[in-house]
Amino acid sequence: MREGRWQTRLAEGLGGCTLGILGMGRIGTIVAGFGNAFEMDVIAWGPTLDAERANENGAEYVTWEGLFERSDILTIHVPLTDLSRGWITSRELSMMQPTAFLVNTSRGPIVEEQALVDALTDGPIAGAALDVYDREPLPADHPYLAMDNVLLTPHLGYNTASTLRHFYVASVENIKAWMAGSPINVLNEEVLDRRRV
C-alpha cells in the first residue's frame, strides 16, 4: 500500500484448512487452540505425543508422513536438539502440497535451509513464514530476502517486553540465591537429559 498498490493477490481463509503442528508441547498446544478457534482441522505429530493427548487438545494424531502430506499450513514447535536438527529435508518438503505453507518460529536448523530455499524456488510448497534462521541476523545476501513467497521476521517470537522483564528479574533472583549459597533453577544432567528428548 505504501507503494500505491492495492489487492495484488487473493487472500486465503483459514476455516476448513488443515493446520499441522510438529511438536505439541506448551506452545504447540496453544497453537492448536488457535487453529480450532479458526475452525481449522488440526493434526499433530511429536516425538512424545500420542493419540490420547493430541485428542485432549483438539488435534488428530497422525504419522510423520501424514503430517507433511495433509497440512495446508505446517507449523514447527519443537526445541533444537541433536534429534531435531535437520529433521525437515527435501524429502519431507516434497511430501507437502503445492499450496502448502511452512511456518518456523522454533529454530532455523530444524529445517535444512537449502532444501527450503529449493522448495520455495521450484516448488513443491507455496510459501513460508520464518522467524528463525540458520544464521542470525540473516545475511544481507540471503536468498530468502529476494523471495516474494516468504514472510520474514527478525526472531521476534520471544522478544516481548514482558518476556524480557521476566528474564531479567529471574536472572537477578538466580544470582542473589547463588550468592546466598542456595542456588535456584539449577540445571543438572537429569534436567538436561529430559530437555534433549
Foldseek 3Di string as FASTA:
>chain_A
DVVPDDCPDDDDQLAAFEEEEEDCDDVNLVVLVVSVVSNHAYAYEYPPDDQVVQVVSRHGYDDLLCSQQRHQEYEYDAADAPVQFQCAALVSQVNHAQNHEYEYLHEARSHDVVSVLCCCVPHDYQAYEYQYHPDPPPDPPDPLVVGPRYHYHPSCPQPDPVNVVVVVVVVVVQVVCVVVVHGPPDDDPVNVVVSND
